[in-house]
C-alpha atoms as a PDB file:
ATOM      1  CA  UNK A   1       0.000   0.000   0.000  1.00  0.00           C
ATOM      2  CA  UNK A   2       2.953   2.281   0.583  1.00  0.00           C
ATOM      3  CA  UNK A   3       3.162   4.870  -2.145  1.00  0.00           C
ATOM      4  CA  UNK A   4       6.603   5.172  -3.748  1.00  0.00           C
ATOM      5  CA  UNK A   5       5.976   8.927  -3.919  1.00  0.00           C
ATOM      6  CA  UNK A   6       7.524   9.388  -0.432  1.00  0.00           C
ATOM      7  CA  UNK A   7      11.246   8.793   0.129  1.00  0.00           C
ATOM      8  CA  UNK A   8      12.776   7.212   3.233  1.00  0.00           C
ATOM      9  CA  UNK A   9      13.167  10.440   5.255  1.00  0.00           C
ATOM     10  CA  UNK A  10       9.373  10.845   5.063  1.00  0.00           C
ATOM     11  CA  UNK A  11       8.519   7.174   5.673  1.00  0.00           C
ATOM     12  CA  UNK A  12      10.762   7.212   8.758  1.00  0.00           C
ATOM     13  CA  UNK A  13       8.516   9.868  10.352  1.00  0.00           C
ATOM     14  CA  UNK A  14       5.946   8.674  12.900  1.00  0.00           C
ATOM     15  CA  UNK A  15       2.710   7.419  11.379  1.00  0.00           C
ATOM     16  CA  UNK A  16      -0.361   9.597  11.867  1.00  0.00           C
ATOM     17  CA  UNK A  17      -3.470   8.016  13.373  1.00  0.00           C
ATOM     18  CA  UNK A  18      -6.063   8.993  10.753  1.00  0.00           C
ATOM     19  CA  UNK A  19      -9.432   7.191  11.040  1.00  0.00           C
ATOM     20  CA  UNK A  20      -9.898   6.571   7.315  1.00  0.00           C
ATOM     21  CA  UNK A  21      -9.637   3.280   5.433  1.00  0.00           C
ATOM     22  CA  UNK A  22      -6.735   2.626   3.099  1.00  0.00           C
ATOM     23  CA  UNK A  23      -4.564   5.544   4.206  1.00  0.00           C
ATOM     24  CA  UNK A  24      -0.885   5.500   5.095  1.00  0.00           C
ATOM     25  CA  UNK A  25       0.120   8.823   6.617  1.00  0.00           C
ATOM     26  CA  UNK A  26       3.309  10.251   8.084  1.00  0.00           C
ATOM     27  CA  UNK A  27       3.359  13.060  10.618  1.00  0.00           C
ATOM     28  CA  UNK A  28       5.745  16.001  10.851  1.00  0.00           C
ATOM     29  CA  UNK A  29       4.909  17.637  14.199  1.00  0.00           C
ATOM     30  CA  UNK A  30       5.647  21.216  15.267  1.00  0.00           C
ATOM     31  CA  UNK A  31       4.592  23.372  18.216  1.00  0.00           C
ATOM     32  CA  UNK A  32       1.970  25.243  16.171  1.00  0.00           C
ATOM     33  CA  UNK A  33       1.045  22.975  13.244  1.00  0.00           C
ATOM     34  CA  UNK A  34       1.292  19.575  11.568  1.00  0.00           C
ATOM     35  CA  UNK A  35       2.344  18.499   8.109  1.00  0.00           C
ATOM     36  CA  UNK A  36       0.909  15.174   6.953  1.00  0.00           C
ATOM     37  CA  UNK A  37       2.194  13.110   4.030  1.00  0.00           C
ATOM     38  CA  UNK A  38      -0.714  10.876   2.932  1.00  0.00           C
ATOM     39  CA  UNK A  39      -1.213   8.094   0.378  1.00  0.00           C
ATOM     40  CA  UNK A  40      -4.521   6.259  -0.211  1.00  0.00           C
ATOM     41  CA  UNK A  41      -4.949   2.736  -1.590  1.00  0.00           C
ATOM     42  CA  UNK A  42      -8.779   2.842  -1.516  1.00  0.00           C
ATOM     43  CA  UNK A  43     -11.551   5.267  -2.400  1.00  0.00           C
ATOM     44  CA  UNK A  44     -12.712   7.200   0.677  1.00  0.00           C
ATOM     45  CA  UNK A  45     -15.722   9.441   1.268  1.00  0.00           C
ATOM     46  CA  UNK A  46     -14.985  12.337   3.627  1.00  0.00           C
ATOM     47  CA  UNK A  47     -18.025  13.414   5.648  1.00  0.00           C
ATOM     48  CA  UNK A  48     -18.638  17.127   6.095  1.00  0.00           C
ATOM     49  CA  UNK A  49     -16.600  18.676   8.919  1.00  0.00           C
ATOM     50  CA  UNK A  50     -14.631  21.794   9.885  1.00  0.00           C
ATOM     51  CA  UNK A  51     -11.408  22.578  11.768  1.00  0.00           C
ATOM     52  CA  UNK A  52      -8.478  25.003  11.707  1.00  0.00           C
ATOM     53  CA  UNK A  53      -7.185  26.095   8.290  1.00  0.00           C
ATOM     54  CA  UNK A  54      -5.732  23.494   5.938  1.00  0.00           C
ATOM     55  CA  UNK A  55      -3.570  23.789   2.820  1.00  0.00           C
ATOM     56  CA  UNK A  56      -2.622  20.898   0.564  1.00  0.00           C
ATOM     57  CA  UNK A  57      -0.873  20.026  -2.665  1.00  0.00           C
ATOM     58  CA  UNK A  58      -1.821  16.977  -4.738  1.00  0.00           C
ATOM     59  CA  UNK A  59       1.173  14.789  -5.598  1.00  0.00           C
ATOM     60  CA  UNK A  60      -0.640  11.897  -7.295  1.00  0.00           C
ATOM     61  CA  UNK A  61      -4.201  11.005  -8.266  1.00  0.00           C
ATOM     62  CA  UNK A  62      -7.277  13.099  -7.597  1.00  0.00           C
ATOM     63  CA  UNK A  63      -9.580  14.352  -4.867  1.00  0.00           C
ATOM     64  CA  UNK A  64     -12.982  15.984  -5.169  1.00  0.00           C
ATOM     65  CA  UNK A  65     -13.530  18.599  -2.464  1.00  0.00           C
ATOM     66  CA  UNK A  66     -16.599  20.609  -1.580  1.00  0.00           C
ATOM     67  CA  UNK A  67     -15.376  23.663   0.328  1.00  0.00           C
ATOM     68  CA  UNK A  68     -17.984  26.088   1.594  1.00  0.00           C
ATOM     69  CA  UNK A  69     -20.547  24.663  -0.839  1.00  0.00           C
ATOM     70  CA  UNK A  70     -18.314  24.823  -3.947  1.00  0.00           C
ATOM     71  CA  UNK A  71     -17.204  21.487  -5.462  1.00  0.00           C
ATOM     72  CA  UNK A  72     -13.996  21.122  -7.457  1.00  0.00           C
ATOM     73  CA  UNK A  73     -11.782  18.265  -8.650  1.00  0.00           C
ATOM     74  CA  UNK A  74      -8.096  18.601  -7.748  1.00  0.00           C
ATOM     75  CA  UNK A  75      -5.423  16.610  -9.587  1.00  0.00           C
ATOM     76  CA  UNK A  76      -1.636  16.253  -9.587  1.00  0.00           C
ATOM     77  CA  UNK A  77       0.017  19.639  -9.099  1.00  0.00           C
ATOM     78  CA  UNK A  78      -3.144  21.381  -7.863  1.00  0.00           C
ATOM     79  CA  UNK A  79      -3.259  23.158  -4.510  1.00  0.00           C
ATOM     80  CA  UNK A  80      -6.249  23.735  -2.276  1.00  0.00           C
ATOM     81  CA  UNK A  81      -6.939  25.887   0.787  1.00  0.00           C
ATOM     82  CA  UNK A  82      -9.661  25.444   3.380  1.00  0.00           C
ATOM     83  CA  UNK A  83     -10.047  28.465   5.693  1.00  0.00           C
ATOM     84  CA  UNK A  84     -10.526  27.985   9.434  1.00  0.00           C
ATOM     85  CA  UNK A  85     -14.050  26.911  10.346  1.00  0.00           C
ATOM     86  CA  UNK A  86     -15.286  26.402   6.762  1.00  0.00           C
ATOM     87  CA  UNK A  87     -17.377  23.239   6.340  1.00  0.00           C
ATOM     88  CA  UNK A  88     -15.992  20.829   3.766  1.00  0.00           C
ATOM     89  CA  UNK A  89     -16.377  17.266   2.518  1.00  0.00           C
ATOM     90  CA  UNK A  90     -15.007  15.204  -0.310  1.00  0.00           C
ATOM     91  CA  UNK A  91     -14.141  12.034  -2.150  1.00  0.00           C
ATOM     92  CA  UNK A  92     -10.583  10.718  -2.226  1.00  0.00           C
ATOM     93  CA  UNK A  93      -9.810   8.320  -5.064  1.00  0.00           C
ATOM     94  CA  UNK A  94      -7.492   5.298  -4.733  1.00  0.00           C
ATOM     95  CA  UNK A  95      -3.955   6.257  -5.760  1.00  0.00           C
ATOM     96  CA  UNK A  96      -4.224   9.743  -4.259  1.00  0.00           C
ATOM     97  CA  UNK A  97      -1.207  11.199  -2.432  1.00  0.00           C
ATOM     98  CA  UNK A  98      -0.652  14.664  -1.006  1.00  0.00           C
ATOM     99  CA  UNK A  99       1.150  16.862   1.474  1.00  0.00           C
ATOM    100  CA  UNK A 100      -1.227  18.657   3.822  1.00  0.00           C
ATOM    101  CA  UNK A 101      -0.480  21.495   6.244  1.00  0.00           C
ATOM    102  CA  UNK A 102      -2.828  21.875   9.215  1.00  0.00           C
ATOM    103  CA  UNK A 103      -2.658  25.128  11.209  1.00  0.00           C
ATOM    104  CA  UNK A 104      -3.355  23.031  14.272  1.00  0.00           C
ATOM    105  CA  UNK A 105      -0.741  21.290  16.393  1.00  0.00           C
ATOM    106  CA  UNK A 106      -3.028  18.441  17.467  1.00  0.00           C
ATOM    107  CA  UNK A 107      -5.155  17.641  14.399  1.00  0.00           C
ATOM    108  CA  UNK A 108      -3.881  14.041  14.400  1.00  0.00           C
ATOM    109  CA  UNK A 109      -2.072  11.950  16.994  1.00  0.00           C
ATOM    110  CA  UNK A 110       0.812   9.600  16.418  1.00  0.00           C
ATOM    111  CA  UNK A 111      -0.320   6.071  15.673  1.00  0.00           C
ATOM    112  CA  UNK A 112       0.425   3.692  18.527  1.00  0.00           C
ATOM    113  CA  UNK A 113       2.675   0.858  17.448  1.00  0.00           C
END
């Protein structure tokens, strides 16, 4: 399931505990934010939710996001931004990989081994 898009320095980071099926995610933790490197082996529906601001860049595959009521398909090379508190949902397609910045230090915990 591991996507070859991430090199060893990324895959040696702690895994993020993300409650979605088919995801392998690595966590870069800071005092004020998190950066998550994610790869999906299965299609996933994201229910509507909101949190602190989020910025991401698509490395592989595609994701359909509905941000504040506007739906758009994002593909390799596209960037997206979700402002703080804005409701959003989406569909992640198998083969998707991205780097996501969360302006929140505790969005995800480290996965227990």
